[in-house]
Structures are given as C-alpha cells and as structure tokens.
C-alpha atoms as a PDB file:
ATOM      1  CA  MET A   1     105.281  97.698  93.587  1.00  0.00           C
ATOM      2  CA  LYS A   2     103.821  99.555  96.566  1.00  0.00           C
ATOM      3  CA  THR A   3     104.875  97.785  99.726  1.00  0.00           C
ATOM      4  CA  MET A   4     103.264  97.685 103.122  1.00  0.00           C
ATOM      5  CA  PHE A   5     105.133  98.586 106.241  1.00  0.00           C
ATOM      6  CA  LEU A   6     106.454  95.342 107.664  1.00  0.00           C
ATOM      7  CA  HIS A   7     106.819  95.144 111.392  1.00  0.00           C
ATOM      8  CA  ASN A   8     107.585  92.079 113.429  1.00  0.00           C
ATOM      9  CA  PRO A   9     106.689  92.996 117.005  1.00  0.00           C
ATOM     10  CA  THR A  10     107.228  89.547 118.476  1.00  0.00           C
ATOM     11  CA  ASN A  11     109.996  88.422 116.107  1.00  0.00           C
ATOM     12  CA  GLN A  12     107.914  85.326 115.495  1.00  0.00           C
ATOM     13  CA  VAL A  13     108.378  85.527 111.718  1.00  0.00           C
ATOM     14  CA  SER A  14     111.774  85.331 110.009  1.00  0.00           C
ATOM     15  CA  LYS A  15     112.996  87.981 107.574  1.00  0.00           C
ATOM     16  CA  ARG A  16     112.561  85.575 104.651  1.00  0.00           C
ATOM     17  CA  GLU A  17     109.065  84.639 105.824  1.00  0.00           C
ATOM     18  CA  LEU A  18     108.206  88.353 105.877  1.00  0.00           C
ATOM     19  CA  GLU A  19     109.370  88.643 102.274  1.00  0.00           C
ATOM     20  CA  VAL A  20     107.245  85.660 101.253  1.00  0.00           C
ATOM     21  CA  LEU A  21     104.266  87.012 103.189  1.00  0.00           C
ATOM     22  CA  GLU A  22     104.517  90.385 101.498  1.00  0.00           C
ATOM     23  CA  LEU A  23     104.610  88.832  98.037  1.00  0.00           C
ATOM     24  CA  LEU A  24     101.674  86.563  98.918  1.00  0.00           C
ATOM     25  CA  SER A  25      99.718  89.640  99.968  1.00  0.00           C
ATOM     26  CA  PHE A  26     100.256  91.068  96.473  1.00  0.00           C
ATOM     27  CA  GLY A  27      98.845  87.919  94.907  1.00  0.00           C
ATOM     28  CA  TYR A  28     102.091  86.308  93.784  1.00  0.00           C
ATOM     29  CA  SER A  29     101.994  82.559  93.197  1.00  0.00           C
ATOM     30  CA  THR A  30     104.552  80.135  94.590  1.00  0.00           C
ATOM     31  CA  PRO A  31     106.495  79.981  91.274  1.00  0.00           C
ATOM     32  CA  GLU A  32     106.463  83.787  91.002  1.00  0.00           C
ATOM     33  CA  ILE A  33     107.762  84.185  94.565  1.00  0.00           C
ATOM     34  CA  SER A  34     110.390  81.546  93.907  1.00  0.00           C
ATOM     35  CA  GLN A  35     111.621  83.460  90.882  1.00  0.00           C
ATOM     36  CA  ALA A  36     111.504  86.854  92.630  1.00  0.00           C
ATOM     37  CA  LEU A  37     113.482  85.663  95.660  1.00  0.00           C
ATOM     38  CA  TYR A  38     115.787  83.240  93.812  1.00  0.00           C
ATOM     39  CA  ILE A  39     114.840  80.265  95.973  1.00  0.00           C
ATOM     40  CA  SER A  40     113.137  76.970  95.152  1.00  0.00           C
ATOM     41  CA  SER A  41     109.393  76.416  95.098  1.00  0.00           C
ATOM     42  CA  ASN A  42     109.835  73.818  97.832  1.00  0.00           C
ATOM     43  CA  THR A  43     111.438  76.451 100.055  1.00  0.00           C
ATOM     44  CA  ILE A  44     108.533  78.809  99.393  1.00  0.00           C
ATOM     45  CA  LYS A  45     106.092  76.030 100.310  1.00  0.00           C
ATOM     46  CA  ALA A  46     108.002  75.464 103.562  1.00  0.00           C
ATOM     47  CA  HIS A  47     107.856  79.182 104.396  1.00  0.00           C
ATOM     48  CA  ARG A  48     104.123  79.271 103.613  1.00  0.00           C
ATOM     49  CA  LYS A  49     103.516  76.249 105.853  1.00  0.00           C
ATOM     50  CA  SER A  50     105.494  77.876 108.658  1.00  0.00           C
ATOM     51  CA  LEU A  51     103.576  81.157 108.251  1.00  0.00           C
ATOM     52  CA  PHE A  52     100.210  79.376 108.363  1.00  0.00           C
ATOM     53  CA  LYS A  53     101.251  77.654 111.583  1.00  0.00           C
ATOM     54  CA  LYS A  54     102.737  80.740 113.260  1.00  0.00           C
ATOM     55  CA  LEU A  55      99.788  82.994 112.363  1.00  0.00           C
ATOM     56  CA  HIS A  56      97.125  80.299 112.852  1.00  0.00           C
ATOM     57  CA  ALA A  57      95.800  80.822 109.323  1.00  0.00           C
ATOM     58  CA  VAL A  58      93.890  78.421 107.081  1.00  0.00           C
ATOM     59  CA  ASN A  59      94.351  80.147 103.701  1.00  0.00           C
ATOM     60  CA  VAL A  60      96.237  83.084 102.177  1.00  0.00           C
ATOM     61  CA  ALA A  61      93.438  85.589 102.778  1.00  0.00           C
ATOM     62  CA  HIS A  62      93.353  84.589 106.451  1.00  0.00           C
ATOM     63  CA  LEU A  63      97.154  84.743 106.559  1.00  0.00           C
ATOM     64  CA  VAL A  64      97.192  88.355 105.332  1.00  0.00           C
ATOM     65  CA  ARG A  65      94.386  89.316 107.730  1.00  0.00           C
ATOM     66  CA  SER A  66      96.292  87.705 110.602  1.00  0.00           C
ATOM     67  CA  ALA A  67      99.396  89.680 109.601  1.00  0.00           C
ATOM     68  CA  PHE A  68      97.418  92.915 109.936  1.00  0.00           C
ATOM     69  CA  GLU A  69      95.777  91.873 113.206  1.00  0.00           C
ATOM     70  CA  SER A  70      99.097  90.856 114.753  1.00  0.00           C
ATOM     71  CA  GLY A  71     100.759  94.108 113.681  1.00  0.00           C
ATOM     72  CA  ILE A  72     103.136  92.557 111.155  1.00  0.00           C
ATOM     73  CA  PHE A  73     101.494  94.543 108.366  1.00  0.00           C
ATOM     74  CA  GLN A  74     100.429  98.129 108.899  1.00  0.00           C
ATOM     75  CA  ALA A  75      98.632 100.257 106.315  1.00  0.00           C
ATOM     76  CA  ARG A  76     100.428 103.394 105.257  1.00  0.00           C
END
C-alpha cells in the first residue's frame, strides 16, 4: 500500500485518528479498518465522528479533502 505523508501541524488529530484517516483515504470500510488496526468497529465509528467534527467534514470525500487543505496529508 502506498501511503501519503501524514503531518499533523496543529496536533488536532490523534495518532490513531491519523491511522483511521489514512485507511479511509484508501477506501477501506469500517469493518476493514477495524480488522487492520485490531480495534472494534464502534471505536472506528467514534474516530470517524471525531475526525468529521475536527476537520468540519460532511462525508469521507470532504474529510480527505480537508486533510489535504489543512496540511495533514501531503502528496509525495
């Protein structure tokens, strides 16, 4: 899997939220992320909810765009 450079300039997003965000950006579903990170689907849902709130996003596409615009994701 090719990963994006993850940067957290304001430290507004936790390390685990960054991991969830990266997997979301690759199109992983909640159950797939849960399996990849060895945490429950409910925990993934909580991280997603937190990310939407912190990045002021309304869906996953907007979430990923917001991550680029805020400098969390940077293209290599």
